[in-house]
C-alpha atoms as a PDB file:
ATOM      1  CA  MET A   1      -4.748  15.179 -31.691  1.00  0.00           C
ATOM      2  CA  LYS A   2      -5.165  11.421 -31.400  1.00  0.00           C
ATOM      3  CA  ILE A   3      -2.779   9.146 -29.504  1.00  0.00           C
ATOM      4  CA  ALA A   4      -1.087   8.007 -32.731  1.00  0.00           C
ATOM      5  CA  ASP A   5      -0.438  11.667 -33.595  1.00  0.00           C
ATOM      6  CA  GLY A   6       1.091  12.206 -30.166  1.00  0.00           C
ATOM      7  CA  HIS A   7       3.324   9.169 -30.708  1.00  0.00           C
ATOM      8  CA  SER A   8       4.492  10.604 -34.032  1.00  0.00           C
ATOM      9  CA  VAL A   9       5.483  13.874 -32.370  1.00  0.00           C
ATOM     10  CA  VAL A  10       7.385  12.046 -29.606  1.00  0.00           C
ATOM     11  CA  LYS A  11       9.242   9.957 -32.225  1.00  0.00           C
ATOM     12  CA  GLU A  12      10.085  13.093 -34.196  1.00  0.00           C
ATOM     13  CA  LYS A  13      11.259  15.099 -31.167  1.00  0.00           C
ATOM     14  CA  LEU A  14      13.042  12.368 -29.185  1.00  0.00           C
ATOM     15  CA  GLY A  15      13.799   9.562 -31.644  1.00  0.00           C
ATOM     16  CA  LEU A  16      17.259  10.832 -32.638  1.00  0.00           C
ATOM     17  CA  ARG A  17      18.162  11.349 -28.989  1.00  0.00           C
ATOM     18  CA  PHE A  18      17.331   7.717 -28.248  1.00  0.00           C
ATOM     19  CA  LYS A  19      19.181   6.535 -31.331  1.00  0.00           C
ATOM     20  CA  SER A  20      22.324   8.529 -30.490  1.00  0.00           C
ATOM     21  CA  ALA A  21      22.296   6.929 -27.014  1.00  0.00           C
ATOM     22  CA  GLY A  22      22.340   3.453 -28.578  1.00  0.00           C
ATOM     23  CA  PHE A  23      18.621   2.693 -28.340  1.00  0.00           C
ATOM     24  CA  ARG A  24      16.607   1.097 -31.132  1.00  0.00           C
ATOM     25  CA  LYS A  25      12.866   0.937 -31.642  1.00  0.00           C
ATOM     26  CA  SER A  26      11.445  -1.753 -29.366  1.00  0.00           C
ATOM     27  CA  LYS A  27       9.366  -4.442 -31.031  1.00  0.00           C
ATOM     28  CA  ASP A  28       7.466  -5.083 -27.791  1.00  0.00           C
ATOM     29  CA  TYR A  29       6.251  -1.543 -27.069  1.00  0.00           C
ATOM     30  CA  THR A  30       4.208   0.703 -29.342  1.00  0.00           C
ATOM     31  CA  LEU A  31       6.389   3.661 -28.449  1.00  0.00           C
ATOM     32  CA  GLY A  32       9.478   2.210 -26.829  1.00  0.00           C
ATOM     33  CA  PHE A  33      13.225   2.202 -27.328  1.00  0.00           C
ATOM     34  CA  ALA A  34      15.569  -0.535 -26.092  1.00  0.00           C
ATOM     35  CA  ARG A  35      19.272  -1.284 -25.813  1.00  0.00           C
ATOM     36  CA  PRO A  36      21.240  -4.105 -24.216  1.00  0.00           C
ATOM     37  CA  PHE A  37      22.208  -3.643 -20.601  1.00  0.00           C
ATOM     38  CA  GLU A  38      24.236  -6.440 -19.004  1.00  0.00           C
ATOM     39  CA  SER A  39      22.150  -9.583 -19.614  1.00  0.00           C
ATOM     40  CA  LYS A  40      18.977  -7.513 -19.907  1.00  0.00           C
ATOM     41  CA  LEU A  41      17.290  -4.966 -22.093  1.00  0.00           C
ATOM     42  CA  LEU A  42      16.930  -1.414 -20.859  1.00  0.00           C
ATOM     43  CA  VAL A  43      13.657  -0.119 -22.279  1.00  0.00           C
ATOM     44  CA  LEU A  44      12.502   3.487 -22.300  1.00  0.00           C
ATOM     45  CA  TRP A  45       8.862   3.645 -23.281  1.00  0.00           C
ATOM     46  CA  PHE A  46       5.762   5.772 -23.309  1.00  0.00           C
ATOM     47  CA  GLN A  47       2.440   4.473 -22.051  1.00  0.00           C
ATOM     48  CA  ALA A  48      -0.745   6.119 -23.264  1.00  0.00           C
ATOM     49  CA  GLU A  49      -3.374   6.955 -20.693  1.00  0.00           C
ATOM     50  CA  LYS A  50      -5.939   4.144 -20.584  1.00  0.00           C
ATOM     51  CA  TRP A  51      -8.831   6.472 -21.402  1.00  0.00           C
ATOM     52  CA  GLY A  52      -7.362   7.261 -24.814  1.00  0.00           C
ATOM     53  CA  TRP A  53      -8.110  10.538 -26.529  1.00  0.00           C
ATOM     54  CA  ASP A  54     -11.020  12.722 -25.454  1.00  0.00           C
ATOM     55  CA  ALA A  55     -12.311  15.724 -27.417  1.00  0.00           C
ATOM     56  CA  TYR A  56     -12.606  17.781 -24.209  1.00  0.00           C
ATOM     57  CA  GLN A  57      -9.624  16.701 -22.122  1.00  0.00           C
ATOM     58  CA  GLY A  58      -7.164  15.456 -24.710  1.00  0.00           C
ATOM     59  CA  GLY A  59      -4.916  12.551 -23.838  1.00  0.00           C
ATOM     60  CA  GLY A  60      -1.942  11.708 -21.710  1.00  0.00           C
ATOM     61  CA  PHE A  61       1.138   9.569 -21.529  1.00  0.00           C
ATOM     62  CA  ARG A  62       3.759   8.649 -19.024  1.00  0.00           C
ATOM     63  CA  PHE A  63       7.381   7.808 -19.562  1.00  0.00           C
ATOM     64  CA  LEU A  64       8.771   4.630 -17.992  1.00  0.00           C
ATOM     65  CA  VAL A  65      12.229   3.138 -17.597  1.00  0.00           C
ATOM     66  CA  THR A  66      12.240  -0.658 -17.464  1.00  0.00           C
ATOM     67  CA  THR A  67      14.715  -3.528 -17.445  1.00  0.00           C
ATOM     68  CA  ILE A  68      13.748  -6.866 -18.902  1.00  0.00           C
ATOM     69  CA  PRO A  69      15.888  -9.950 -18.231  1.00  0.00           C
ATOM     70  CA  GLY A  70      17.231 -11.622 -21.393  1.00  0.00           C
ATOM     71  CA  GLY A  71      14.771 -14.085 -22.860  1.00  0.00           C
ATOM     72  CA  SER A  72      11.934 -12.883 -20.607  1.00  0.00           C
ATOM     73  CA  SER A  73       8.737 -11.094 -21.504  1.00  0.00           C
ATOM     74  CA  THR A  74       8.263  -9.506 -18.073  1.00  0.00           C
ATOM     75  CA  TRP A  75      10.195  -6.670 -16.495  1.00  0.00           C
ATOM     76  CA  ASP A  76      12.228  -6.978 -13.326  1.00  0.00           C
ATOM     77  CA  TYR A  77      12.605  -3.254 -12.520  1.00  0.00           C
ATOM     78  CA  GLU A  78      10.474  -0.344 -13.590  1.00  0.00           C
ATOM     79  CA  GLU A  79      10.189   3.274 -12.597  1.00  0.00           C
ATOM     80  CA  SER A  80       8.086   6.126 -13.921  1.00  0.00           C
ATOM     81  CA  PHE A  81       9.948   9.206 -15.094  1.00  0.00           C
ATOM     82  CA  GLN A  82       9.154  11.254 -12.002  1.00  0.00           C
ATOM     83  CA  TYR A  83      11.435   8.987  -9.954  1.00  0.00           C
ATOM     84  CA  PHE A  84      14.348  10.658 -11.779  1.00  0.00           C
ATOM     85  CA  LEU A  85      13.182  14.262 -11.256  1.00  0.00           C
ATOM     86  CA  SER A  86      14.517  16.912  -8.919  1.00  0.00           C
ATOM     87  CA  ASP A  87      12.062  18.802  -6.712  1.00  0.00           C
ATOM     88  CA  GLN A  88      12.265  21.755  -9.120  1.00  0.00           C
ATOM     89  CA  GLU A  89      11.505  19.518 -12.107  1.00  0.00           C
ATOM     90  CA  VAL A  90       8.513  17.982 -10.340  1.00  0.00           C
ATOM     91  CA  GLU A  91       7.161  21.490  -9.771  1.00  0.00           C
ATOM     92  CA  GLU A  92       7.882  22.415 -13.404  1.00  0.00           C
ATOM     93  CA  ALA A  93       5.880  19.346 -14.490  1.00  0.00           C
ATOM     94  CA  ARG A  94       2.917  20.596 -12.453  1.00  0.00           C
ATOM     95  CA  ARG A  95       3.263  24.045 -14.017  1.00  0.00           C
ATOM     96  CA  ILE A  96       3.237  22.566 -17.534  1.00  0.00           C
ATOM     97  CA  GLN A  97       0.315  20.322 -16.608  1.00  0.00           C
ATOM     98  CA  ASN A  98      -1.699  23.358 -15.522  1.00  0.00           C
ATOM     99  CA  ILE A  99      -0.927  25.149 -18.800  1.00  0.00           C
ATOM    100  CA  VAL A 100      -2.302  22.117 -20.645  1.00  0.00           C
ATOM    101  CA  ILE A 101      -5.414  21.947 -18.453  1.00  0.00           C
ATOM    102  CA  GLU A 102      -6.129  25.619 -19.205  1.00  0.00           C
ATOM    103  CA  ALA A 103      -6.370  24.680 -22.902  1.00  0.00           C
ATOM    104  CA  PHE A 104      -9.167  22.177 -22.334  1.00  0.00           C
ATOM    105  CA  SER A 105     -12.665  23.066 -23.480  1.00  0.00           C
ATOM    106  CA  LYS A 106     -15.192  22.863 -20.666  1.00  0.00           C
ATOM    107  CA  PRO A 107     -17.610  20.108 -21.628  1.00  0.00           C
ATOM    108  CA  PRO A 108     -21.374  20.382 -21.283  1.00  0.00           C
ATOM    109  CA  GLU A 109     -22.983  19.068 -18.095  1.00  0.00           C
ATOM    110  CA  SER A 110     -24.226  16.031 -20.038  1.00  0.00           C
ATOM    111  CA  TYR A 111     -20.611  14.915 -20.504  1.00  0.00           C
ATOM    112  CA  PHE A 112     -20.145  14.324 -16.775  1.00  0.00           C
ATOM    113  CA  LYS A 113     -23.618  12.834 -16.310  1.00  0.00           C
ATOM    114  CA  GLN A 114     -23.108  10.402 -19.188  1.00  0.00           C
ATOM    115  CA  VAL A 115     -19.875   9.072 -17.684  1.00  0.00           C
ATOM    116  CA  ALA A 116     -21.377   8.809 -14.185  1.00  0.00           C
ATOM    117  CA  ALA A 117     -24.508   7.078 -15.522  1.00  0.00           C
ATOM    118  CA  GLN A 118     -22.428   3.974 -16.204  1.00  0.00           C
ATOM    119  CA  PHE A 119     -22.092   3.477 -12.428  1.00  0.00           C
ATOM    120  CA  ARG A 120     -24.350   3.466  -9.378  1.00  0.00           C
ATOM    121  CA  GLY A 121     -24.565   5.181  -6.034  1.00  0.00           C
ATOM    122  CA  GLU A 122     -21.425   6.473  -4.363  1.00  0.00           C
ATOM    123  CA  VAL A 123     -19.214   5.142  -7.154  1.00  0.00           C
ATOM    124  CA  ALA A 124     -21.134   7.218  -9.720  1.00  0.00           C
ATOM    125  CA  ARG A 125     -20.712  10.331  -7.564  1.00  0.00           C
ATOM    126  CA  LEU A 126     -16.975   9.708  -7.128  1.00  0.00           C
ATOM    127  CA  ILE A 127     -16.470   9.079 -10.847  1.00  0.00           C
ATOM    128  CA  GLU A 128     -18.270  12.300 -11.718  1.00  0.00           C
ATOM    129  CA  GLU A 129     -16.234  14.220  -9.125  1.00  0.00           C
ATOM    130  CA  THR A 130     -13.002  12.748 -10.509  1.00  0.00           C
ATOM    131  CA  MET A 131     -13.947  13.657 -14.074  1.00  0.00           C
ATOM    132  CA  ARG A 132     -14.757  17.229 -13.057  1.00  0.00           C
ATOM    133  CA  GLY A 133     -11.412  17.434 -11.252  1.00  0.00           C
ATOM    134  CA  ARG A 134      -9.554  16.617 -14.452  1.00  0.00           C
ATOM    135  CA  PHE A 135     -10.555  20.068 -15.754  1.00  0.00           C
ATOM    136  CA  LEU A 136      -9.245  21.947 -12.710  1.00  0.00           C
ATOM    137  CA  PRO A 137      -5.687  23.179 -12.150  1.00  0.00           C
ATOM    138  CA  VAL A 138      -3.454  20.892 -10.099  1.00  0.00           C
ATOM    139  CA  LYS A 139      -3.121  22.711  -6.768  1.00  0.00           C
ATOM    140  CA  VAL A 140      -1.383  20.070  -4.667  1.00  0.00           C
ATOM    141  CA  PRO A 141       2.322  19.800  -5.536  1.00  0.00           C
ATOM    142  CA  TYR A 142       3.319  16.635  -7.324  1.00  0.00           C
ATOM    143  CA  SER A 143       5.756  14.215  -5.750  1.00  0.00           C
ATOM    144  CA  TRP A 144       8.386  12.079  -7.444  1.00  0.00           C
ATOM    145  CA  ARG A 145       6.833   9.150  -5.538  1.00  0.00           C
ATOM    146  CA  VAL A 146       3.424   9.419  -7.219  1.00  0.00           C
ATOM    147  CA  ASP A 147       2.634   8.583 -10.845  1.00  0.00           C
ATOM    148  CA  PHE A 148       1.009  11.195 -13.009  1.00  0.00           C
ATOM    149  CA  PHE A 149       0.372  11.353 -16.719  1.00  0.00           C
ATOM    150  CA  LEU A 150       1.736  14.092 -18.956  1.00  0.00           C
ATOM    151  CA  ARG A 151      -1.497  15.389 -20.395  1.00  0.00           C
ATOM    152  CA  TYR A 152      -1.792  17.090 -23.764  1.00  0.00           C
ATOM    153  CA  PHE A 153      -4.434  18.613 -25.969  1.00  0.00           C
ATOM    154  CA  ASN A 154      -2.422  19.616 -29.017  1.00  0.00           C
ATOM    155  CA  GLU A 155       0.951  19.171 -30.690  1.00  0.00           C
ATOM    156  CA  GLN A 156       2.487  22.113 -28.841  1.00  0.00           C
ATOM    157  CA  HIS A 157       1.784  20.371 -25.540  1.00  0.00           C
ATOM    158  CA  VAL A 158       3.477  17.150 -26.669  1.00  0.00           C
ATOM    159  CA  CYS A 159       6.450  19.182 -27.912  1.00  0.00           C
ATOM    160  CA  ARG A 160       6.662  20.952 -24.553  1.00  0.00           C
ATOM    161  CA  TRP A 161       6.692  17.620 -22.695  1.00  0.00           C
ATOM    162  CA  CYS A 162       9.416  16.336 -25.035  1.00  0.00           C
ATOM    163  CA  GLU A 163      11.540  19.411 -24.276  1.00  0.00           C
ATOM    164  CA  PHE A 164      10.927  18.827 -20.586  1.00  0.00           C
ATOM    165  CA  LEU A 165      12.059  15.188 -20.860  1.00  0.00           C
ATOM    166  CA  LYS A 166      15.219  15.793 -22.933  1.00  0.00           C
ATOM    167  CA  PRO A 167      17.567  16.591 -20.015  1.00  0.00           C
ATOM    168  CA  ILE A 168      15.995  13.852 -17.898  1.00  0.00           C
ATOM    169  CA  LEU A 169      16.604  11.008 -20.372  1.00  0.00           C
ATOM    170  CA  PRO A 170      20.391  10.676 -19.863  1.00  0.00           C
ATOM    171  CA  ARG A 171      19.983  10.929 -16.105  1.00  0.00           C
ATOM    172  CA  ALA A 172      17.271   8.257 -16.104  1.00  0.00           C
ATOM    173  CA  VAL A 173      19.461   5.898 -18.151  1.00  0.00           C
ATOM    174  CA  GLN A 174      22.511   6.509 -15.973  1.00  0.00           C
ATOM    175  CA  CYS A 175      20.533   6.068 -12.761  1.00  0.00           C
ATOM    176  CA  ALA A 176      18.821   2.904 -14.006  1.00  0.00           C
ATOM    177  CA  GLU A 177      22.104   1.351 -15.104  1.00  0.00           C
ATOM    178  CA  ARG A 178      23.808   2.277 -11.849  1.00  0.00           C
ATOM    179  CA  ASN A 179      20.987   1.240  -9.523  1.00  0.00           C
ATOM    180  CA  TRP A 180      19.777  -1.819 -11.396  1.00  0.00           C
ATOM    181  CA  SER A 181      23.168  -3.331 -12.132  1.00  0.00           C
ATOM    182  CA  ARG A 182      23.519  -7.025 -11.355  1.00  0.00           C
ATOM    183  CA  ASP A 183      26.453  -6.090  -9.113  1.00  0.00           C
ATOM    184  CA  LEU A 184      23.988  -4.603  -6.667  1.00  0.00           C
ATOM    185  CA  HIS A 185      21.686  -7.643  -6.524  1.00  0.00           C
END
């Protein structure tokens, strides 16, 4: 499942929810939805993991909530989705993440060596260790203060993340509008 396929699933599963909340497709984000908010735009968007799609470890995305001042091309406030999660939801995200990781195919040893070969010394060792860690279950509980990507390997995983995000979307919008209002600045 390539990144574009993942985007299509997110649009299919969440697009109507965004539309019914007054959001329209954003022209500035590949997978983003925007609506006016005071003199700004409130943008809800999905960022693909910078590594793209990988045949062994799939892909990932994160969900961000951003405000952009009118006429500007840069944001003034931005938070990742986990900022809006309860402790129970953060733990549920880790549980889902571990289900996804279990679906990964263990790559051959050459996979790790090939990635590490692009670096030298201690950096190469750390890169290889990090890559190996991406195939292990997440043991340390996540925190709403730390970014993490919602990883996926197939359509069912993307659908599961969309279901997870559905109840969070209204809360994220309400919190952003309340906390980022010009009245508070």
